[in-house]
Amino acid sequence: QVQFVESGGGLVQPGGSLRLSCAASGSIFTLSIMGSGWYRQAPGKQRELVAGITRDGRTNYVDSVKGRFTISRDRAKNTVYLQMDSLKFEDTAVYYCNKYPTASQSWGQGTQVTVSS
């Protein structure tokens, strides 16, 4: 019932920054109650939760990005952001947004983040 469109990825040098955006649309009820999360999947690796924000604003980050990434949202725009600073090679992955803490089985196309020198 909810669709996600990710954007903002690209090629960036180590130490650089990117800001990802996730536009959600669909069920007004679902949009009103869900938390939101950013997930990523690198080639040959499992998809993992990167950052999540609950409906009441509590945030959670995977240890590897703490202090470097910040998740935020604009409820009026149904948009979630991921500010990514001090990027490292190991951050290279396809980044997806979805519900949090329980993700839907329906995933968007994602946005590619490539950290390379």
C-alpha atoms as a PDB file:
ATOM      1  CA  GLN A   1       0.000   0.000   0.000  1.00  0.00           C
ATOM      2  CA  VAL A   2       3.030   2.275   0.297  1.00  0.00           C
ATOM      3  CA  GLN A   3       5.468   3.064  -2.461  1.00  0.00           C
ATOM      4  CA  PHE A   4       8.983   4.348  -1.929  1.00  0.00           C
ATOM      5  CA  VAL A   5      11.123   6.317  -4.335  1.00  0.00           C
ATOM      6  CA  GLU A   6      14.740   6.827  -3.365  1.00  0.00           C
ATOM      7  CA  SER A   7      17.018   9.463  -4.818  1.00  0.00           C
ATOM      8  CA  GLY A   8      20.213  11.344  -4.134  1.00  0.00           C
ATOM      9  CA  GLY A   9      22.793   8.639  -4.616  1.00  0.00           C
ATOM     10  CA  GLY A  10      25.863   8.985  -6.733  1.00  0.00           C
ATOM     11  CA  LEU A  11      29.611   8.747  -6.898  1.00  0.00           C
ATOM     12  CA  VAL A  12      31.521  10.400  -4.097  1.00  0.00           C
ATOM     13  CA  GLN A  13      35.094  10.375  -2.853  1.00  0.00           C
ATOM     14  CA  PRO A  14      36.031   8.981   0.553  1.00  0.00           C
ATOM     15  CA  GLY A  15      35.337  11.575   3.213  1.00  0.00           C
ATOM     16  CA  GLY A  16      32.639  13.182   1.111  1.00  0.00           C
ATOM     17  CA  SER A  17      28.948  13.634   1.772  1.00  0.00           C
ATOM     18  CA  LEU A  18      25.626  12.764   0.206  1.00  0.00           C
ATOM     19  CA  ARG A  19      22.039  13.400   1.175  1.00  0.00           C
ATOM     20  CA  LEU A  20      19.534  10.725   0.242  1.00  0.00           C
ATOM     21  CA  SER A  21      15.820  11.355  -0.044  1.00  0.00           C
ATOM     22  CA  CYS A  22      12.931   8.928   0.160  1.00  0.00           C
ATOM     23  CA  ALA A  23       9.502   9.962  -1.032  1.00  0.00           C
ATOM     24  CA  ALA A  24       6.701   7.767   0.258  1.00  0.00           C
ATOM     25  CA  SER A  25       3.185   7.630  -1.093  1.00  0.00           C
ATOM     26  CA  GLY A  26       0.087   5.495  -0.847  1.00  0.00           C
ATOM     27  CA  SER A  27      -2.014   4.596   2.161  1.00  0.00           C
ATOM     28  CA  ILE A  28      -2.561   7.653   4.301  1.00  0.00           C
ATOM     29  CA  PHE A  29      -3.216   5.417   7.295  1.00  0.00           C
ATOM     30  CA  THR A  30       0.041   3.526   6.884  1.00  0.00           C
ATOM     31  CA  LEU A  31       1.998   6.709   6.291  1.00  0.00           C
ATOM     32  CA  SER A  32       0.590   8.178   9.479  1.00  0.00           C
ATOM     33  CA  ILE A  33       1.595   5.308  11.767  1.00  0.00           C
ATOM     34  CA  MET A  34       4.794   3.902  10.336  1.00  0.00           C
ATOM     35  CA  GLY A  35       8.344   4.548  11.295  1.00  0.00           C
ATOM     36  CA  SER A  36      10.831   4.896   8.469  1.00  0.00           C
ATOM     37  CA  GLY A  37      14.174   3.319   7.861  1.00  0.00           C
ATOM     38  CA  TRP A  38      17.091   3.330   5.493  1.00  0.00           C
ATOM     39  CA  TYR A  39      18.507  -0.028   4.501  1.00  0.00           C
ATOM     40  CA  ARG A  40      21.423  -0.928   2.296  1.00  0.00           C
ATOM     41  CA  GLN A  41      22.730  -3.924   0.425  1.00  0.00           C
ATOM     42  CA  ALA A  42      26.251  -4.276  -0.876  1.00  0.00           C
ATOM     43  CA  PRO A  43      27.135  -6.881  -3.526  1.00  0.00           C
ATOM     44  CA  GLY A  44      27.400 -10.315  -1.965  1.00  0.00           C
ATOM     45  CA  LYS A  45      26.180  -9.113   1.399  1.00  0.00           C
ATOM     46  CA  GLN A  46      22.941  -9.211   3.338  1.00  0.00           C
ATOM     47  CA  ARG A  47      20.618  -6.259   3.385  1.00  0.00           C
ATOM     48  CA  GLU A  48      21.029  -4.385   6.643  1.00  0.00           C
ATOM     49  CA  LEU A  49      19.289  -1.625   8.499  1.00  0.00           C
ATOM     50  CA  VAL A  50      21.361   1.546   8.433  1.00  0.00           C
ATOM     51  CA  ALA A  51      19.149   3.986  10.292  1.00  0.00           C
ATOM     52  CA  GLY A  52      15.611   4.085  11.548  1.00  0.00           C
ATOM     53  CA  ILE A  53      13.258   6.640  12.989  1.00  0.00           C
ATOM     54  CA  THR A  54      10.105   5.700  14.850  1.00  0.00           C
ATOM     55  CA  ARG A  55       6.795   7.450  14.485  1.00  0.00           C
ATOM     56  CA  ASP A  56       7.523   9.361  17.677  1.00  0.00           C
ATOM     57  CA  GLY A  57      10.971  10.452  16.545  1.00  0.00           C
ATOM     58  CA  ARG A  58      13.359   7.999  18.188  1.00  0.00           C
ATOM     59  CA  THR A  59      16.351   7.151  16.037  1.00  0.00           C
ATOM     60  CA  ASN A  60      18.550   4.100  15.742  1.00  0.00           C
ATOM     61  CA  TYR A  61      21.747   3.542  13.769  1.00  0.00           C
ATOM     62  CA  VAL A  62      23.914   0.605  12.932  1.00  0.00           C
ATOM     63  CA  ASP A  63      27.208   0.931  14.799  1.00  0.00           C
ATOM     64  CA  SER A  64      29.247   1.382  11.644  1.00  0.00           C
ATOM     65  CA  VAL A  65      27.534   4.674  10.752  1.00  0.00           C
ATOM     66  CA  LYS A  66      27.005   6.224  14.171  1.00  0.00           C
ATOM     67  CA  GLY A  67      28.338   9.754  14.260  1.00  0.00           C
ATOM     68  CA  ARG A  68      28.475   9.934  10.465  1.00  0.00           C
ATOM     69  CA  PHE A  69      24.882   9.472   9.267  1.00  0.00           C
ATOM     70  CA  THR A  70      21.749  11.297  10.352  1.00  0.00           C
ATOM     71  CA  ILE A  71      18.187  10.278   9.585  1.00  0.00           C
ATOM     72  CA  SER A  72      15.440  12.877   9.547  1.00  0.00           C
ATOM     73  CA  ARG A  73      11.980  13.345   8.120  1.00  0.00           C
ATOM     74  CA  ASP A  74       9.520  15.901   6.875  1.00  0.00           C
ATOM     75  CA  ARG A  75       6.069  14.595   7.708  1.00  0.00           C
ATOM     76  CA  ALA A  76       4.321  17.210   5.589  1.00  0.00           C
ATOM     77  CA  LYS A  77       6.160  15.969   2.511  1.00  0.00           C
ATOM     78  CA  ASN A  78       6.137  12.276   3.470  1.00  0.00           C
ATOM     79  CA  THR A  79       9.858  12.367   2.890  1.00  0.00           C
ATOM     80  CA  VAL A  80      12.702  10.806   4.845  1.00  0.00           C
ATOM     81  CA  TYR A  81      16.307  11.881   4.496  1.00  0.00           C
ATOM     82  CA  LEU A  82      19.655  10.332   5.214  1.00  0.00           C
ATOM     83  CA  GLN A  83      22.535  12.739   5.570  1.00  0.00           C
ATOM     84  CA  MET A  84      25.731  10.799   4.981  1.00  0.00           C
ATOM     85  CA  ASP A  85      29.016  12.390   6.020  1.00  0.00           C
ATOM     86  CA  SER A  86      32.577  11.107   6.168  1.00  0.00           C
ATOM     87  CA  LEU A  87      31.752   8.406   3.669  1.00  0.00           C
ATOM     88  CA  LYS A  88      33.940   5.324   3.490  1.00  0.00           C
ATOM     89  CA  PHE A  89      34.544   2.670   0.833  1.00  0.00           C
ATOM     90  CA  GLU A  90      32.498   0.211   2.859  1.00  0.00           C
ATOM     91  CA  ASP A  91      29.445   2.458   2.595  1.00  0.00           C
ATOM     92  CA  THR A  92      29.165   1.536  -1.077  1.00  0.00           C
ATOM     93  CA  ALA A  93      25.786  -0.130  -1.570  1.00  0.00           C
ATOM     94  CA  VAL A  94      22.307   0.273  -2.931  1.00  0.00           C
ATOM     95  CA  TYR A  95      20.293   2.208  -0.386  1.00  0.00           C
ATOM     96  CA  TYR A  96      16.596   1.607   0.126  1.00  0.00           C
ATOM     97  CA  CYS A  97      13.939   3.090   2.332  1.00  0.00           C
ATOM     98  CA  ASN A  98      11.102   1.155   3.855  1.00  0.00           C
ATOM     99  CA  LYS A  99       8.976   0.955   6.960  1.00  0.00           C
ATOM    100  CA  TYR A 100      10.692   0.669  10.309  1.00  0.00           C
ATOM    101  CA  PRO A 101      11.096  -1.322  12.476  1.00  0.00           C
ATOM    102  CA  THR A 102       9.164  -3.848  10.402  1.00  0.00           C
ATOM    103  CA  ALA A 103       9.918  -3.531   6.703  1.00  0.00           C
ATOM    104  CA  SER A 104       7.424  -4.286   3.993  1.00  0.00           C
ATOM    105  CA  GLN A 105       8.223  -7.049   1.532  1.00  0.00           C
ATOM    106  CA  SER A 106       7.815  -4.488  -1.226  1.00  0.00           C
ATOM    107  CA  TRP A 107      11.045  -2.654  -1.972  1.00  0.00           C
ATOM    108  CA  GLY A 108      11.702   0.241  -4.277  1.00  0.00           C
ATOM    109  CA  GLN A 109      14.450   0.453  -6.838  1.00  0.00           C
ATOM    110  CA  GLY A 110      16.881   1.991  -4.396  1.00  0.00           C
ATOM    111  CA  THR A 111      19.610   4.492  -5.090  1.00  0.00           C
ATOM    112  CA  GLN A 112      23.235   3.583  -5.700  1.00  0.00           C
ATOM    113  CA  VAL A 113      25.909   5.069  -3.492  1.00  0.00           C
ATOM    114  CA  THR A 114      29.449   4.512  -4.664  1.00  0.00           C
ATOM    115  CA  VAL A 115      32.387   5.703  -2.601  1.00  0.00           C
ATOM    116  CA  SER A 116      35.543   5.605  -4.657  1.00  0.00           C
ATOM    117  CA  SER A 117      38.750   7.533  -5.133  1.00  0.00           C
END
